[in-house]
Amino acid sequence: MFILLILLRLLPALLTAYWVLATSAVVVTLLPLPLPQGFKDAVRLSAARGKLWSTRPKSLGRLNDLAVPQAWFSHFYAVGTACCLLLLLLATPLPPLASSDAQQLTALALFPSKAEAVQYISLWVFLLHLLRRLLETC
């Protein structure tokens, strides 16, 4: 339980770091900068799936042929869904029972700050995404 609480506290920073690094790699690849072609091809290959699979870069040799079927990720989406549900259960505040004020019973009024409300809503959006992917792989 203690480890989950630590992960819950670290989650915003870890997600921010991931998105900054991933977005930076894509933006740097799209700019006309003198970068190694292997780096640019690796970034493009990481985005090559679905309709883009036929246009993946050919210069990465054996890496170019590596592909994992989407059905192999069903366990990943199932575990992700379970973890997201657990985080939502831990993060869901209990409404005040003695209050009859309708303003205090709204979902956003249950959180002490707007940032916490945004994180809570983001977890719900992520859960919907995981459920959609899980249904696609089954």
N, C-alpha and C. Protein backbone atom coordinates (compact mmCIF):
# COMPACT_ATOMS: atom_id res chain seq x y z
N MET A 1 0.83 -1.19 0.00
CA MET A 1 0.00 0.00 0.00
C MET A 1 0.87 1.25 0.00
N PHE A 2 1.96 1.19 0.79
CA PHE A 2 2.87 2.33 0.87
C PHE A 2 3.53 2.60 -0.48
N ILE A 3 3.91 1.53 -1.18
CA ILE A 3 4.56 1.67 -2.49
C ILE A 3 3.59 2.29 -3.50
N LEU A 4 2.32 1.88 -3.44
CA LEU A 4 1.33 2.46 -4.34
C LEU A 4 1.15 3.95 -4.10
N LEU A 5 1.18 4.35 -2.86
CA LEU A 5 1.04 5.77 -2.54
C LEU A 5 2.24 6.57 -3.05
N ILE A 6 3.43 5.97 -2.95
CA ILE A 6 4.62 6.65 -3.48
C ILE A 6 4.52 6.76 -4.99
N LEU A 7 4.10 5.67 -5.66
CA LEU A 7 3.94 5.71 -7.12
C LEU A 7 2.88 6.73 -7.53
N LEU A 8 1.82 6.82 -6.75
CA LEU A 8 0.77 7.79 -7.05
C LEU A 8 1.30 9.21 -6.97
N ARG A 9 2.18 9.46 -6.02
CA ARG A 9 2.79 10.79 -5.88
C ARG A 9 3.79 11.07 -6.99
N LEU A 10 4.51 10.04 -7.44
CA LEU A 10 5.52 10.20 -8.49
C LEU A 10 4.94 10.17 -9.90
N LEU A 11 3.73 9.66 -10.04
CA LEU A 11 3.15 9.47 -11.37
C LEU A 11 3.11 10.75 -12.21
N PRO A 12 2.68 11.89 -11.69
CA PRO A 12 2.68 13.09 -12.53
C PRO A 12 4.07 13.47 -13.04
N ALA A 13 5.08 13.36 -12.19
CA ALA A 13 6.44 13.71 -12.63
C ALA A 13 6.96 12.72 -13.67
N LEU A 14 6.69 11.43 -13.47
CA LEU A 14 7.14 10.42 -14.43
C LEU A 14 6.44 10.58 -15.78
N LEU A 15 5.14 10.83 -15.75
CA LEU A 15 4.41 11.04 -17.01
C LEU A 15 4.89 12.30 -17.72
N THR A 16 5.15 13.34 -16.97
CA THR A 16 5.65 14.58 -17.57
C THR A 16 7.01 14.35 -18.22
N ALA A 17 7.90 13.65 -17.53
CA ALA A 17 9.23 13.37 -18.09
C ALA A 17 9.12 12.53 -19.36
N TYR A 18 8.26 11.52 -19.33
CA TYR A 18 8.09 10.67 -20.52
C TYR A 18 7.59 11.49 -21.71
N TRP A 19 6.55 12.27 -21.49
CA TRP A 19 5.98 13.04 -22.60
C TRP A 19 6.93 14.10 -23.12
N VAL A 20 7.72 14.72 -22.25
CA VAL A 20 8.71 15.70 -22.70
C VAL A 20 9.76 15.02 -23.57
N LEU A 21 10.26 13.86 -23.12
CA LEU A 21 11.28 13.16 -23.91
C LEU A 21 10.72 12.63 -25.23
N ALA A 22 9.54 12.03 -25.21
CA ALA A 22 8.96 11.48 -26.44
C ALA A 22 8.62 12.59 -27.43
N THR A 23 8.03 13.66 -26.93
CA THR A 23 7.67 14.77 -27.82
C THR A 23 8.91 15.45 -28.37
N SER A 24 9.93 15.60 -27.53
CA SER A 24 11.17 16.22 -28.00
C SER A 24 11.82 15.40 -29.10
N ALA A 25 11.81 14.09 -28.95
CA ALA A 25 12.41 13.23 -29.98
C ALA A 25 11.67 13.38 -31.30
N VAL A 26 10.34 13.44 -31.26
CA VAL A 26 9.57 13.59 -32.49
C VAL A 26 9.80 14.96 -33.12
N VAL A 27 9.77 16.01 -32.30
CA VAL A 27 9.96 17.37 -32.83
C VAL A 27 11.35 17.53 -33.42
N VAL A 28 12.37 17.04 -32.72
CA VAL A 28 13.74 17.15 -33.22
C VAL A 28 13.89 16.38 -34.52
N THR A 29 13.20 15.25 -34.64
CA THR A 29 13.27 14.46 -35.87
C THR A 29 12.63 15.19 -37.04
N LEU A 30 11.56 15.92 -36.78
CA LEU A 30 10.86 16.62 -37.85
C LEU A 30 11.58 17.89 -38.30
N LEU A 31 12.40 18.48 -37.44
CA LEU A 31 13.13 19.69 -37.79
C LEU A 31 14.32 19.35 -38.69
N PRO A 32 14.68 20.28 -39.56
CA PRO A 32 15.84 20.02 -40.44
C PRO A 32 17.15 20.24 -39.68
N LEU A 33 17.44 19.38 -38.73
CA LEU A 33 18.67 19.46 -37.94
C LEU A 33 19.62 18.34 -38.36
N PRO A 34 20.92 18.58 -38.24
CA PRO A 34 21.88 17.53 -38.61
C PRO A 34 21.98 16.46 -37.52
N LEU A 35 21.05 15.54 -37.55
CA LEU A 35 21.03 14.42 -36.61
C LEU A 35 21.40 13.13 -37.33
N PRO A 36 21.92 12.15 -36.61
CA PRO A 36 22.21 10.86 -37.27
C PRO A 36 20.94 10.27 -37.88
N GLN A 37 21.05 9.77 -39.08
CA GLN A 37 19.89 9.20 -39.76
C GLN A 37 19.31 8.01 -39.00
N GLY A 38 20.17 7.27 -38.29
CA GLY A 38 19.69 6.14 -37.50
C GLY A 38 18.73 6.59 -36.40
N PHE A 39 19.01 7.74 -35.76
CA PHE A 39 18.12 8.27 -34.72
C PHE A 39 16.77 8.64 -35.33
N LYS A 40 16.83 9.34 -36.46
CA LYS A 40 15.58 9.75 -37.13
C LYS A 40 14.77 8.53 -37.55
N ASP A 41 15.45 7.53 -38.09
CA ASP A 41 14.75 6.32 -38.53
C ASP A 41 14.16 5.55 -37.35
N ALA A 42 14.90 5.53 -36.23
CA ALA A 42 14.38 4.83 -35.04
C ALA A 42 13.12 5.51 -34.51
N VAL A 43 13.09 6.84 -34.53
CA VAL A 43 11.89 7.57 -34.08
C VAL A 43 10.73 7.29 -35.03
N ARG A 44 11.01 7.32 -36.32
CA ARG A 44 9.95 7.04 -37.29
C ARG A 44 9.45 5.59 -37.18
N LEU A 45 10.38 4.67 -36.94
CA LEU A 45 9.99 3.26 -36.80
C LEU A 45 9.11 3.06 -35.56
N SER A 46 9.39 3.80 -34.49
CA SER A 46 8.58 3.66 -33.28
C SER A 46 7.15 4.13 -33.50
N ALA A 47 6.94 4.99 -34.49
CA ALA A 47 5.59 5.46 -34.79
C ALA A 47 4.93 4.65 -35.90
N ALA A 48 5.67 3.73 -36.52
CA ALA A 48 5.16 2.97 -37.66
C ALA A 48 4.33 1.78 -37.17
N ARG A 49 3.04 1.92 -37.23
CA ARG A 49 2.13 0.82 -36.93
C ARG A 49 0.84 1.07 -37.69
N GLY A 50 0.04 0.07 -37.81
CA GLY A 50 -1.22 0.24 -38.52
C GLY A 50 -1.00 0.62 -39.97
N LYS A 51 -1.59 1.73 -40.37
CA LYS A 51 -1.49 2.19 -41.76
C LYS A 51 -0.08 2.66 -42.11
N LEU A 52 0.69 3.07 -41.11
CA LEU A 52 2.04 3.57 -41.36
C LEU A 52 3.08 2.46 -41.48
N TRP A 53 2.69 1.20 -41.23
CA TRP A 53 3.66 0.12 -41.22
C TRP A 53 4.33 -0.06 -42.57
N SER A 54 3.62 0.15 -43.65
CA SER A 54 4.22 -0.04 -44.98
C SER A 54 5.20 1.08 -45.33
N THR A 55 5.12 2.21 -44.65
CA THR A 55 6.01 3.34 -44.95
C THR A 55 7.13 3.48 -43.92
N ARG A 56 7.38 2.43 -43.13
CA ARG A 56 8.43 2.51 -42.11
C ARG A 56 9.80 2.62 -42.79
N PRO A 57 10.77 3.22 -42.10
CA PRO A 57 12.11 3.38 -42.69
C PRO A 57 12.78 2.03 -42.93
N LYS A 58 13.53 1.95 -43.99
CA LYS A 58 14.15 0.68 -44.38
C LYS A 58 15.62 0.59 -43.96
N SER A 59 16.18 1.63 -43.40
CA SER A 59 17.63 1.67 -43.15
C SER A 59 18.05 1.05 -41.82
N LEU A 60 17.14 0.48 -41.05
CA LEU A 60 17.51 -0.06 -39.75
C LEU A 60 17.82 -1.55 -39.78
N GLY A 61 17.88 -2.12 -40.95
CA GLY A 61 18.28 -3.52 -41.08
C GLY A 61 17.29 -4.47 -40.43
N ARG A 62 17.81 -5.34 -39.54
CA ARG A 62 16.98 -6.37 -38.92
C ARG A 62 15.93 -5.78 -37.99
N LEU A 63 16.19 -4.61 -37.43
CA LEU A 63 15.19 -3.97 -36.56
C LEU A 63 13.93 -3.61 -37.34
N ASN A 64 14.10 -3.40 -38.61
CA ASN A 64 12.98 -3.01 -39.45
C ASN A 64 11.90 -4.09 -39.52
N ASP A 65 12.29 -5.35 -39.37
CA ASP A 65 11.35 -6.45 -39.51
C ASP A 65 10.71 -6.88 -38.19
N LEU A 66 11.17 -6.32 -37.10
CA LEU A 66 10.62 -6.69 -35.80
C LEU A 66 9.24 -6.06 -35.61
N ALA A 67 8.29 -6.88 -35.31
CA ALA A 67 6.94 -6.39 -35.05
C ALA A 67 6.30 -7.32 -34.03
N VAL A 68 5.53 -6.75 -33.15
CA VAL A 68 4.82 -7.52 -32.14
C VAL A 68 3.33 -7.39 -32.44
N PRO A 69 2.63 -8.50 -32.62
CA PRO A 69 1.19 -8.42 -32.88
C PRO A 69 0.47 -7.73 -31.73
N GLN A 70 -0.54 -6.94 -32.07
CA GLN A 70 -1.27 -6.20 -31.05
C GLN A 70 -1.94 -7.14 -30.05
N ALA A 71 -2.32 -8.32 -30.49
CA ALA A 71 -2.98 -9.28 -29.58
C ALA A 71 -2.07 -9.69 -28.43
N TRP A 72 -0.75 -9.58 -28.61
CA TRP A 72 0.17 -9.95 -27.54
C TRP A 72 0.12 -8.95 -26.38
N PHE A 73 -0.50 -7.81 -26.58
CA PHE A 73 -0.54 -6.79 -25.55
C PHE A 73 -1.80 -6.86 -24.69
N SER A 74 -2.62 -7.88 -24.87
CA SER A 74 -3.87 -7.96 -24.10
C SER A 74 -3.59 -8.02 -22.60
N HIS A 75 -2.55 -8.75 -22.19
CA HIS A 75 -2.22 -8.80 -20.76
C HIS A 75 -1.78 -7.43 -20.25
N PHE A 76 -1.06 -6.68 -21.09
CA PHE A 76 -0.62 -5.34 -20.72
C PHE A 76 -1.83 -4.44 -20.46
N TYR A 77 -2.82 -4.50 -21.35
CA TYR A 77 -4.00 -3.66 -21.18
C TYR A 77 -4.85 -4.14 -20.00
N ALA A 78 -4.89 -5.44 -19.75
CA ALA A 78 -5.65 -5.94 -18.60
C ALA A 78 -5.00 -5.50 -17.29
N VAL A 79 -3.68 -5.62 -17.19
CA VAL A 79 -2.97 -5.17 -15.98
C VAL A 79 -3.08 -3.65 -15.84
N GLY A 80 -2.95 -2.93 -16.95
CA GLY A 80 -3.09 -1.48 -16.91
C GLY A 80 -4.47 -1.05 -16.44
N THR A 81 -5.49 -1.75 -16.91
CA THR A 81 -6.86 -1.44 -16.49
C THR A 81 -7.03 -1.69 -14.99
N ALA A 82 -6.50 -2.81 -14.51
CA ALA A 82 -6.60 -3.12 -13.07
C ALA A 82 -5.86 -2.08 -12.23
N CYS A 83 -4.66 -1.70 -12.66
CA CYS A 83 -3.89 -0.69 -11.92
C CYS A 83 -4.59 0.67 -11.94
N CYS A 84 -5.13 1.03 -13.09
CA CYS A 84 -5.82 2.31 -13.19
C CYS A 84 -7.06 2.32 -12.30
N LEU A 85 -7.79 1.22 -12.28
CA LEU A 85 -8.95 1.13 -11.39
C LEU A 85 -8.54 1.24 -9.92
N LEU A 86 -7.42 0.61 -9.57
CA LEU A 86 -6.94 0.70 -8.20
C LEU A 86 -6.55 2.13 -7.85
N LEU A 87 -5.86 2.81 -8.77
CA LEU A 87 -5.50 4.20 -8.53
C LEU A 87 -6.74 5.08 -8.40
N LEU A 88 -7.75 4.81 -9.21
CA LEU A 88 -8.99 5.58 -9.09
C LEU A 88 -9.67 5.34 -7.76
N LEU A 89 -9.66 4.09 -7.29
CA LEU A 89 -10.25 3.80 -5.98
C LEU A 89 -9.49 4.51 -4.86
N LEU A 90 -8.16 4.54 -4.97
CA LEU A 90 -7.37 5.22 -3.95
C LEU A 90 -7.50 6.73 -4.02
N ALA A 91 -7.71 7.25 -5.22
CA ALA A 91 -7.75 8.70 -5.40
C ALA A 91 -9.14 9.29 -5.25
N THR A 92 -10.16 8.46 -5.22
CA THR A 92 -11.53 8.97 -5.16
C THR A 92 -11.83 9.48 -3.75
N PRO A 93 -12.12 10.78 -3.64
CA PRO A 93 -12.47 11.30 -2.32
C PRO A 93 -13.90 10.94 -1.97
N LEU A 94 -14.15 10.81 -0.70
CA LEU A 94 -15.49 10.52 -0.23
C LEU A 94 -16.25 11.84 -0.05
N PRO A 95 -17.48 11.93 -0.54
CA PRO A 95 -18.24 13.17 -0.38
C PRO A 95 -18.62 13.38 1.08
N PRO A 96 -18.76 14.64 1.47
CA PRO A 96 -19.19 14.89 2.85
C PRO A 96 -20.62 14.39 3.04
N LEU A 97 -20.82 13.56 4.06
CA LEU A 97 -22.13 12.95 4.27
C LEU A 97 -23.13 13.92 4.90
N ALA A 98 -22.66 14.82 5.71
CA ALA A 98 -23.57 15.72 6.43
C ALA A 98 -23.99 16.91 5.59
N SER A 99 -23.38 17.10 4.44
CA SER A 99 -23.67 18.28 3.64
C SER A 99 -24.86 18.05 2.72
N SER A 100 -25.75 19.01 2.70
CA SER A 100 -26.87 18.94 1.78
C SER A 100 -26.72 19.97 0.66
N ASP A 101 -25.62 20.71 0.70
CA ASP A 101 -25.37 21.73 -0.31
C ASP A 101 -25.02 21.06 -1.64
N ALA A 102 -25.77 21.35 -2.67
CA ALA A 102 -25.56 20.72 -3.98
C ALA A 102 -24.20 21.09 -4.56
N GLN A 103 -23.68 22.28 -4.26
CA GLN A 103 -22.38 22.71 -4.77
C GLN A 103 -21.27 21.80 -4.27
N GLN A 104 -21.35 21.34 -3.03
CA GLN A 104 -20.31 20.50 -2.46
C GLN A 104 -20.38 19.07 -2.97
N LEU A 105 -21.46 18.68 -3.60
CA LEU A 105 -21.60 17.31 -4.08
C LEU A 105 -21.16 17.13 -5.53
N THR A 106 -20.75 18.21 -6.20
CA THR A 106 -20.26 18.05 -7.56
C THR A 106 -18.88 17.41 -7.53
N ALA A 107 -18.51 16.76 -8.61
CA ALA A 107 -17.25 16.01 -8.64
C ALA A 107 -16.04 16.91 -8.44
N LEU A 108 -16.01 18.08 -9.07
CA LEU A 108 -14.84 18.94 -8.97
C LEU A 108 -14.73 19.59 -7.60
N ALA A 109 -15.84 19.77 -6.90
CA ALA A 109 -15.81 20.38 -5.57
C ALA A 109 -15.26 19.42 -4.52
N LEU A 110 -15.14 18.14 -4.84
CA LEU A 110 -14.62 17.17 -3.88
C LEU A 110 -13.11 17.25 -3.73
N PHE A 111 -12.42 17.91 -4.64
CA PHE A 111 -10.98 17.96 -4.63
C PHE A 111 -10.49 19.28 -4.06
N PRO A 112 -9.41 19.25 -3.27
CA PRO A 112 -8.90 20.48 -2.68
C PRO A 112 -8.32 21.45 -3.70
N SER A 113 -7.83 20.93 -4.82
CA SER A 113 -7.24 21.82 -5.82
C SER A 113 -7.70 21.41 -7.22
N LYS A 114 -7.58 22.36 -8.12
CA LYS A 114 -7.95 22.10 -9.51
C LYS A 114 -7.00 21.06 -10.14
N ALA A 115 -5.73 21.10 -9.74
CA ALA A 115 -4.76 20.15 -10.29
C ALA A 115 -5.13 18.71 -9.93
N GLU A 116 -5.60 18.49 -8.71
CA GLU A 116 -6.02 17.14 -8.32
C GLU A 116 -7.25 16.70 -9.10
N ALA A 117 -8.16 17.62 -9.36
CA ALA A 117 -9.34 17.29 -10.15
C ALA A 117 -8.95 16.91 -11.58
N VAL A 118 -8.00 17.64 -12.14
CA VAL A 118 -7.53 17.35 -13.50
C VAL A 118 -6.85 15.98 -13.55
N GLN A 119 -6.06 15.65 -12.52
CA GLN A 119 -5.41 14.34 -12.47
C GLN A 119 -6.45 13.22 -12.36
N TYR A 120 -7.47 13.46 -11.59
CA TYR A 120 -8.53 12.46 -11.43
C TYR A 120 -9.27 12.23 -12.75
N ILE A 121 -9.61 13.31 -13.42
CA ILE A 121 -10.30 13.19 -14.71
C ILE A 121 -9.38 12.52 -15.74
N SER A 122 -8.09 12.84 -15.68
CA SER A 122 -7.12 12.21 -16.59
C SER A 122 -7.05 10.70 -16.38
N LEU A 123 -7.13 10.27 -15.13
CA LEU A 123 -7.14 8.83 -14.86
C LEU A 123 -8.36 8.17 -15.48
N TRP A 124 -9.50 8.83 -15.43
CA TRP A 124 -10.71 8.27 -16.06
C TRP A 124 -10.55 8.19 -17.57
N VAL A 125 -9.96 9.20 -18.18
CA VAL A 125 -9.74 9.18 -19.63
C VAL A 125 -8.77 8.05 -19.99
N PHE A 126 -7.71 7.90 -19.18
CA PHE A 126 -6.75 6.84 -19.41
C PHE A 126 -7.40 5.47 -19.26
N LEU A 127 -8.29 5.33 -18.28
CA LEU A 127 -9.00 4.07 -18.09
C LEU A 127 -9.86 3.74 -19.31
N LEU A 128 -10.54 4.73 -19.84
CA LEU A 128 -11.34 4.50 -21.05
C LEU A 128 -10.46 4.07 -22.22
N HIS A 129 -9.29 4.68 -22.35
CA HIS A 129 -8.36 4.31 -23.41
C HIS A 129 -7.89 2.87 -23.23
N LEU A 130 -7.53 2.49 -22.00
CA LEU A 130 -7.08 1.12 -21.74
C LEU A 130 -8.19 0.11 -22.03
N LEU A 131 -9.41 0.43 -21.64
CA LEU A 131 -10.52 -0.47 -21.91
C LEU A 131 -10.77 -0.63 -23.40
N ARG A 132 -10.66 0.48 -24.15
CA ARG A 132 -10.84 0.41 -25.60
C ARG A 132 -9.78 -0.49 -26.22
N ARG A 133 -8.52 -0.31 -25.81
CA ARG A 133 -7.44 -1.13 -26.36
C ARG A 133 -7.61 -2.60 -25.96
N LEU A 134 -8.06 -2.83 -24.74
CA LEU A 134 -8.27 -4.20 -24.28
C LEU A 134 -9.34 -4.87 -25.13
N LEU A 135 -10.41 -4.17 -25.42
CA LEU A 135 -11.48 -4.73 -26.27
C LEU A 135 -11.00 -4.96 -27.69
N GLU A 136 -10.09 -4.09 -28.19
CA GLU A 136 -9.55 -4.27 -29.54
C GLU A 136 -8.68 -5.52 -29.64
N THR A 137 -7.98 -5.86 -28.57
CA THR A 137 -7.05 -6.98 -28.63
C THR A 137 -7.73 -8.32 -28.36
N CYS A 138 -8.89 -8.31 -27.75
CA CYS A 138 -9.59 -9.57 -27.44
C CYS A 138 -10.37 -10.10 -28.61
